[in-house]
Amino acid sequence: MDYKLIDNIEVDGIDTKDYPDFCDAFIASADYDGKPMTDNQLDKINEDRDFVYECVQNHLF
């Protein structure tokens, strides 16, 4: 999966009491190459915790 094609990312499950780990956060929806991602695609990118963490940081700051 080309992460550069992912945009319009919506992050959910952010618990500020869990700072700085945000281990419960996940990507709830996103677009891939202009089309909404499927549940399977979302599951795949949510397995990449570094990517999810980066998205959380972008969402918060």
Protein backbone atom coordinates (compact mmCIF):
# COMPACT_ATOMS: atom_id res chain seq x y z
CA MET A 1 0.00 0.00 0.00
CA ASP A 2 1.33 3.41 -0.97
CA TYR A 3 0.85 5.60 2.10
CA LYS A 4 1.28 8.73 -0.03
CA LEU A 5 -2.11 7.99 -1.63
CA ILE A 6 -3.92 8.00 1.73
CA ASP A 7 -5.68 11.22 2.69
CA ASN A 8 -8.83 12.53 4.35
CA ILE A 9 -7.88 10.53 7.45
CA GLU A 10 -10.29 10.46 10.39
CA VAL A 11 -8.78 9.28 13.67
CA ASP A 12 -10.91 7.98 16.56
CA GLY A 13 -10.33 6.49 19.99
CA ILE A 14 -7.94 9.20 21.14
CA ASP A 15 -7.75 9.27 24.94
CA THR A 16 -5.66 12.22 26.12
CA LYS A 17 -5.17 10.48 29.48
CA ASP A 18 -3.18 7.90 27.52
CA TYR A 19 -0.66 10.52 26.35
CA PRO A 20 1.88 9.98 24.84
CA ASP A 21 1.06 6.42 23.75
CA PHE A 22 -2.51 6.79 22.44
CA CYS A 23 -2.60 3.00 22.20
CA ASP A 24 -6.40 2.90 21.73
CA ALA A 25 -6.42 5.33 18.80
CA PHE A 26 -7.27 4.03 15.36
CA ILE A 27 -8.03 5.26 11.86
CA ALA A 28 -11.80 5.17 11.50
CA SER A 29 -11.94 6.22 7.86
CA ALA A 30 -9.71 7.44 5.08
CA ASP A 31 -9.51 7.74 1.32
CA TYR A 32 -7.06 5.84 -0.85
CA ASP A 33 -6.34 7.37 -4.23
CA GLY A 34 -9.53 9.43 -3.93
CA LYS A 35 -11.84 6.56 -2.97
CA PRO A 36 -13.11 5.58 0.49
CA MET A 37 -11.07 2.76 1.99
CA THR A 38 -12.71 -0.58 2.66
CA ASP A 39 -12.82 -2.15 6.12
CA ASN A 40 -10.06 -4.55 5.06
CA GLN A 41 -7.82 -1.68 3.95
CA LEU A 42 -8.49 0.16 7.21
CA ASP A 43 -7.64 -2.97 9.20
CA LYS A 44 -4.36 -3.22 7.29
CA ILE A 45 -3.25 0.36 7.95
CA ASN A 46 -4.36 0.15 11.59
CA GLU A 47 -1.87 -2.70 12.03
CA ASP A 48 0.89 -0.18 11.29
CA ARG A 49 1.02 1.46 14.72
CA ASP A 50 3.72 3.92 13.64
CA PHE A 51 1.46 5.23 10.87
CA VAL A 52 -1.52 5.44 13.25
CA TYR A 53 0.59 7.31 15.80
CA GLU A 54 1.74 9.76 13.13
CA CYS A 55 -1.91 10.34 12.14
CA VAL A 56 -2.84 10.95 15.78
CA GLN A 57 -0.03 13.50 16.10
CA ASN A 58 -1.18 15.25 12.91
CA HIS A 59 -4.77 15.28 14.19
CA LEU A 60 -3.85 16.75 17.58
CA PHE A 61 -1.19 19.22 16.56
